[in-house]
Amino acid sequence: MISHTDDGVGPLAEAPAEHVLPVRRVTFEYAEDMNPMWVPHMPEFAAAANAISLGMPYAEPLFIKAVRSTYDRIDDDLRARSDSYVRQETGHHTQHKRFNEVISTRYPGTRVVQRLMAANAAWVWRRSPRFRVAYAASGETISYGVARWTEAHLGELMDRADPVPATLFLWHLAEEIEHKSNTYDVFEATDGSRLRYAWSAIVGLITITVFTALGVLVQLWGEKRLRYPVTWFRLAKLAVSSMFVLVPTLVISALPGHHPRDFTDPIYLPAWLGQYDPVTATMPLWSSAGQ
């Protein structure tokens, strides 16, 4: 079982469509002999997920700083929602950092990739304040697209996965669905330029694609799997399949008049968050929830 607390409060009366987010302080423990290729029937997907995880301690603090930098320009309701968003994101990157130690220990070359990720986050922070907020908003849209893609492939990817890392990633993605509107609302309240948003989305998508590819190659090289044609076939299939979701999601999100609430959300992952037990402050591992 995984324990956490829930700090959420109810909807704000002034904005019934949006609400302060619940915060689930989940803690994960990893076995010393945990296989970093935690999806044994699809190690290419595990390597891709791990590579994305490597970027969380750099991307999410960047998003947090970008949102907090707007607090003197947004109203009290949006600030309250943003505070709860910050608490969710803090929980995410804290837990991913612990998971990343497992990955970095097994594949030391990933530490070079992480230094590049840190340099990229520093580069983004040196851009204009408006670009930073747009980058955070489009980054959350990318995360939402990843959540939609993952839910569409849950059985294929997760049914035989190690339940602890599976729960880490699916808890994170479920909360990405839950807070999909927050940074977008901050962006609209402080800027709203669709051109800036579209440019930041292009930069963000290229960035995550390049860093994911580098992280995957380092890990699969360490596993001596790059010699196999099936590895490259699976990687190509994953890339094409995910881009068929991510690219349309980003394009739609940049259209005039669009708001994230206009998307039709995945059903299962948000419902899965409801398995939190407020009495015992526990949540079942994914293997228990998914059977």
Protein backbone atom coordinates (compact mmCIF):
# COMPACT_ATOMS: atom_id res chain seq x y z
CA MET A 1 0.00 0.00 0.00
CA ILE A 2 1.08 3.61 -0.61
CA SER A 3 0.15 6.23 1.94
CA HIS A 4 -0.50 9.90 1.50
CA THR A 5 -2.47 12.83 2.87
CA ASP A 6 -5.10 14.88 1.04
CA ASP A 7 -4.96 18.65 1.55
CA GLY A 8 -7.69 19.58 -0.94
CA VAL A 9 -10.69 21.77 -0.35
CA GLY A 10 -13.96 22.14 -2.16
CA PRO A 11 -14.84 24.21 -5.24
CA LEU A 12 -14.67 27.96 -5.04
CA ALA A 13 -18.12 29.54 -5.04
CA GLU A 14 -17.01 32.31 -7.42
CA ALA A 15 -15.67 29.91 -10.07
CA PRO A 16 -17.77 26.72 -10.10
CA ALA A 17 -16.06 25.36 -13.23
CA GLU A 18 -12.61 25.37 -11.58
CA HIS A 19 -11.55 24.42 -8.08
CA VAL A 20 -8.67 24.18 -5.69
CA LEU A 21 -6.89 20.89 -6.31
CA PRO A 22 -6.49 18.04 -3.82
CA VAL A 23 -2.87 17.30 -2.90
CA ARG A 24 -1.89 13.67 -2.42
CA ARG A 25 1.47 13.25 -0.71
CA VAL A 26 2.35 9.83 -2.06
CA THR A 27 5.62 8.12 -1.01
CA PHE A 28 7.15 5.32 -3.07
CA GLU A 29 9.70 2.75 -1.95
CA TYR A 30 11.71 0.79 -4.51
CA ALA A 31 13.15 -2.66 -3.99
CA GLU A 32 16.93 -2.84 -4.15
CA ASP A 33 16.66 -5.39 -6.95
CA MET A 34 14.03 -3.47 -8.92
CA ASN A 35 14.49 -3.90 -12.66
CA PRO A 36 14.79 -0.39 -14.22
CA MET A 37 13.18 -1.90 -17.31
CA TRP A 38 10.01 -2.16 -15.19
CA VAL A 39 7.78 -3.10 -18.13
CA PRO A 40 9.51 -6.40 -18.97
CA HIS A 41 7.43 -7.15 -22.06
CA MET A 42 8.05 -3.61 -23.41
CA PRO A 43 11.45 -2.35 -22.16
CA GLU A 44 11.41 0.36 -24.83
CA PHE A 45 8.39 1.96 -23.18
CA ALA A 46 10.00 1.68 -19.74
CA ALA A 47 13.11 3.42 -21.10
CA ALA A 48 10.97 6.22 -22.59
CA ALA A 49 9.03 6.69 -19.36
CA ASN A 50 12.27 6.70 -17.38
CA ALA A 51 13.74 9.32 -19.73
CA ILE A 52 10.72 11.57 -19.20
CA SER A 53 11.04 11.05 -15.45
CA LEU A 54 14.66 12.27 -15.60
CA GLY A 55 13.37 15.66 -16.73
CA MET A 56 10.78 16.14 -13.99
CA PRO A 57 13.17 17.65 -11.37
CA TYR A 58 14.02 20.36 -13.92
CA ALA A 59 10.79 20.97 -15.85
CA GLU A 60 8.34 21.03 -12.97
CA PRO A 61 10.28 23.46 -10.73
CA LEU A 62 10.53 25.67 -13.82
CA PHE A 63 6.74 25.56 -14.25
CA ILE A 64 6.28 26.28 -10.55
CA LYS A 65 8.55 29.33 -10.67
CA ALA A 66 6.82 30.61 -13.81
CA VAL A 67 3.39 30.36 -12.17
CA ARG A 68 4.54 31.90 -8.89
CA SER A 69 6.09 34.82 -10.78
CA THR A 70 2.57 35.89 -11.81
CA TYR A 71 1.06 36.03 -8.31
CA ASP A 72 1.05 39.83 -8.27
CA ARG A 73 -0.97 39.87 -11.50
CA ILE A 74 -3.66 37.21 -10.96
CA ASP A 75 -6.78 37.29 -8.79
CA ASP A 76 -7.23 35.56 -5.44
CA ASP A 77 -9.18 32.61 -6.84
CA LEU A 78 -6.59 31.78 -9.49
CA ARG A 79 -3.80 32.27 -6.96
CA ALA A 80 -5.48 29.80 -4.58
CA ARG A 81 -5.83 27.24 -7.37
CA SER A 82 -2.24 27.88 -8.42
CA ASP A 83 -1.02 27.24 -4.88
CA SER A 84 -2.68 23.82 -4.96
CA TYR A 85 -1.22 23.19 -8.42
CA VAL A 86 2.23 24.02 -7.03
CA ARG A 87 1.74 21.52 -4.19
CA GLN A 88 0.75 18.79 -6.64
CA GLU A 89 3.75 19.50 -8.86
CA THR A 90 6.10 19.60 -5.89
CA GLY A 91 4.96 16.12 -4.94
CA HIS A 92 5.52 14.89 -8.48
CA HIS A 93 9.08 16.07 -8.98
CA THR A 94 10.07 15.06 -5.43
CA GLN A 95 8.98 11.47 -6.05
CA HIS A 96 10.47 11.36 -9.54
CA LYS A 97 13.80 12.56 -8.18
CA ARG A 98 13.90 9.55 -5.84
CA PHE A 99 12.99 7.22 -8.72
CA ASN A 100 15.64 8.82 -10.93
CA GLU A 101 18.36 7.79 -8.49
CA VAL A 102 17.54 4.18 -9.33
CA ILE A 103 17.83 4.94 -13.05
CA SER A 104 21.03 6.99 -12.74
CA THR A 105 22.71 4.33 -10.62
CA ARG A 106 22.00 1.68 -13.23
CA TYR A 107 22.77 3.90 -16.23
CA PRO A 108 25.42 6.51 -15.24
CA GLY A 109 25.29 8.05 -18.72
CA THR A 110 21.85 9.44 -17.92
CA ARG A 111 23.51 11.94 -15.57
CA VAL A 112 24.90 13.70 -18.66
CA VAL A 113 21.37 13.86 -20.09
CA GLN A 114 20.16 15.35 -16.81
CA ARG A 115 22.83 18.06 -16.96
CA LEU A 116 21.57 18.97 -20.43
CA MET A 117 18.02 19.08 -19.08
CA ALA A 118 19.12 21.41 -16.31
CA ALA A 119 20.84 23.66 -18.86
CA ASN A 120 17.69 23.75 -20.96
CA ALA A 121 15.56 24.75 -17.95
CA ALA A 122 18.04 27.54 -17.20
CA TRP A 123 17.84 28.69 -20.83
CA VAL A 124 14.04 28.86 -20.68
CA TRP A 125 14.21 30.86 -17.46
CA ARG A 126 16.42 33.43 -19.19
CA ARG A 127 13.68 34.07 -21.77
CA SER A 128 10.98 36.69 -21.24
CA PRO A 129 8.54 36.27 -18.32
CA ARG A 130 5.69 35.85 -20.82
CA PHE A 131 7.51 33.09 -22.67
CA ARG A 132 8.17 31.24 -19.41
CA VAL A 133 4.45 31.19 -18.57
CA ALA A 134 3.52 30.16 -22.11
CA TYR A 135 6.16 27.40 -21.93
CA ALA A 136 4.68 26.15 -18.66
CA ALA A 137 1.15 26.21 -20.10
CA SER A 138 2.12 24.34 -23.26
CA GLY A 139 4.24 21.94 -21.20
CA GLU A 140 1.21 21.02 -19.14
CA THR A 141 -0.73 20.47 -22.37
CA ILE A 142 1.99 18.06 -23.50
CA SER A 143 1.70 16.23 -20.17
CA TYR A 144 -2.06 16.07 -20.61
CA GLY A 145 -1.57 14.60 -24.09
CA VAL A 146 0.79 11.97 -22.67
CA ALA A 147 -1.89 11.08 -20.11
CA ARG A 148 -4.50 10.68 -22.85
CA TRP A 149 -2.16 8.47 -24.89
CA THR A 150 -1.24 6.35 -21.87
CA GLU A 151 -4.85 5.73 -20.89
CA ALA A 152 -5.58 4.55 -24.43
CA HIS A 153 -2.82 1.92 -24.04
CA LEU A 154 -3.19 1.03 -20.35
CA GLY A 155 -3.73 -2.69 -20.75
CA GLU A 156 -1.01 -3.11 -23.35
CA LEU A 157 1.60 -1.26 -21.29
CA MET A 158 0.76 -1.65 -17.62
CA ASP A 159 -0.96 -4.97 -17.00
CA ARG A 160 2.37 -6.80 -16.53
CA ALA A 161 4.45 -3.86 -15.29
CA ASP A 162 6.14 -3.60 -11.90
CA PRO A 163 3.32 -2.10 -9.79
CA VAL A 164 5.40 0.46 -7.86
CA PRO A 165 6.82 2.49 -10.78
CA ALA A 166 3.55 1.93 -12.65
CA THR A 167 1.70 3.57 -9.77
CA LEU A 168 4.20 6.45 -9.68
CA PHE A 169 3.68 7.28 -13.34
CA LEU A 170 -0.08 6.75 -13.42
CA TRP A 171 -0.66 8.78 -10.24
CA HIS A 172 1.32 11.59 -11.83
CA LEU A 173 -0.53 11.37 -15.16
CA ALA A 174 -3.92 11.22 -13.45
CA GLU A 175 -3.13 14.46 -11.64
CA GLU A 176 -1.95 16.01 -14.92
CA ILE A 177 -5.50 15.46 -16.17
CA GLU A 178 -6.85 16.93 -12.94
CA HIS A 179 -4.84 20.18 -13.18
CA LYS A 180 -4.80 20.55 -16.97
CA SER A 181 -6.43 24.02 -16.85
CA ASN A 182 -4.39 25.77 -14.20
CA THR A 183 -1.30 27.01 -16.02
CA TYR A 184 -3.43 27.75 -19.07
CA ASP A 185 -5.63 30.01 -16.94
CA VAL A 186 -2.52 31.76 -15.59
CA PHE A 187 -1.23 32.21 -19.14
CA GLU A 188 -4.53 33.69 -20.33
CA ALA A 189 -4.77 35.98 -17.30
CA THR A 190 -1.27 37.40 -17.83
CA ASP A 191 -0.70 37.22 -21.59
CA GLY A 192 -2.92 35.11 -23.85
CA SER A 193 -0.85 35.48 -27.04
CA ARG A 194 -1.65 32.43 -29.17
CA LEU A 195 1.47 32.96 -31.26
CA ARG A 196 3.69 32.93 -28.17
CA TYR A 197 1.87 29.84 -26.89
CA ALA A 198 2.28 28.06 -30.25
CA TRP A 199 6.00 28.91 -30.38
CA SER A 200 6.52 27.69 -26.81
CA ALA A 201 4.64 24.48 -27.67
CA ILE A 202 6.95 23.83 -30.63
CA VAL A 203 10.02 24.45 -28.48
CA GLY A 204 8.64 22.26 -25.69
CA LEU A 205 7.71 19.37 -27.97
CA ILE A 206 11.12 19.40 -29.67
CA THR A 207 12.84 19.57 -26.29
CA ILE A 208 10.98 16.65 -24.74
CA THR A 209 11.40 14.58 -27.92
CA VAL A 210 15.18 15.13 -28.06
CA PHE A 211 15.77 14.49 -24.36
CA THR A 212 13.52 11.44 -24.33
CA ALA A 213 15.39 10.02 -27.31
CA LEU A 214 18.78 10.63 -25.65
CA GLY A 215 17.64 9.05 -22.39
CA VAL A 216 16.19 6.04 -24.20
CA LEU A 217 19.36 5.46 -26.21
CA VAL A 218 21.59 5.61 -23.12
CA GLN A 219 19.43 3.09 -21.26
CA LEU A 220 18.93 0.66 -24.13
CA TRP A 221 22.65 0.85 -24.92
CA GLY A 222 23.28 -0.17 -21.33
CA GLU A 223 20.84 -3.04 -21.77
CA LYS A 224 22.57 -4.05 -25.05
CA ARG A 225 19.23 -3.90 -26.83
CA LEU A 226 20.08 -1.48 -29.64
CA ARG A 227 21.40 -4.34 -31.75
CA TYR A 228 17.92 -5.85 -32.14
CA PRO A 229 15.61 -4.78 -35.01
CA VAL A 230 12.57 -5.35 -32.77
CA THR A 231 13.85 -2.63 -30.45
CA TRP A 232 13.89 -0.06 -33.24
CA PHE A 233 10.50 -1.23 -34.50
CA ARG A 234 8.94 -0.80 -31.07
CA LEU A 235 10.55 2.61 -30.59
CA ALA A 236 9.23 3.79 -33.95
CA LYS A 237 5.77 2.48 -33.13
CA LEU A 238 5.75 4.26 -29.76
CA ALA A 239 6.97 7.52 -31.31
CA VAL A 240 4.43 7.56 -34.13
CA SER A 241 1.56 6.49 -31.90
CA SER A 242 2.27 9.16 -29.27
CA MET A 243 2.77 11.93 -31.83
CA PHE A 244 -0.63 11.16 -33.33
CA VAL A 245 -2.03 12.26 -29.97
CA LEU A 246 0.42 14.97 -28.89
CA VAL A 247 0.55 17.00 -32.11
CA PRO A 248 -3.24 17.36 -32.59
CA THR A 249 -3.65 18.11 -28.88
CA LEU A 250 -1.11 20.94 -29.08
CA VAL A 251 -2.53 22.31 -32.33
CA ILE A 252 -6.06 22.39 -30.94
CA SER A 253 -4.85 23.97 -27.70
CA ALA A 254 -3.33 26.88 -29.68
CA LEU A 255 -6.52 27.70 -31.60
CA PRO A 256 -8.32 30.96 -30.75
CA GLY A 257 -11.08 30.46 -28.21
CA HIS A 258 -9.82 27.08 -27.02
CA HIS A 259 -9.68 26.21 -23.33
CA PRO A 260 -8.40 22.91 -21.87
CA ARG A 261 -11.83 22.19 -20.40
CA ASP A 262 -13.01 21.75 -24.01
CA PHE A 263 -11.04 18.50 -24.26
CA THR A 264 -12.83 15.24 -23.51
CA ASP A 265 -10.87 13.81 -20.61
CA PRO A 266 -9.80 10.20 -20.19
CA ILE A 267 -12.14 8.39 -17.82
CA TYR A 268 -10.25 5.64 -16.05
CA LEU A 269 -7.22 7.44 -14.60
CA PRO A 270 -9.20 10.23 -12.89
CA ALA A 271 -11.62 7.62 -11.51
CA TRP A 272 -8.65 5.62 -10.22
CA LEU A 273 -7.63 8.56 -8.03
CA GLY A 274 -10.95 8.05 -6.25
CA GLN A 275 -9.57 4.85 -4.72
CA TYR A 276 -7.78 6.98 -2.20
CA ASP A 277 -9.03 6.04 1.26
CA PRO A 278 -9.26 9.16 3.46
CA VAL A 279 -9.59 7.06 6.62
CA THR A 280 -6.40 5.03 6.20
CA ALA A 281 -4.71 7.53 3.85
CA THR A 282 -3.81 4.69 1.49
CA MET A 283 -4.11 3.94 -2.18
CA PRO A 284 -3.69 0.50 -3.76
CA LEU A 285 -0.79 -0.25 -6.03
CA TRP A 286 -1.70 -0.25 -9.69
CA SER A 287 -1.61 -4.05 -9.95
CA SER A 288 -4.41 -4.21 -7.38
CA ALA A 289 -6.39 -1.35 -8.93
CA GLY A 290 -6.01 -2.60 -12.48
CA GLN A 291 -7.18 -6.19 -11.96
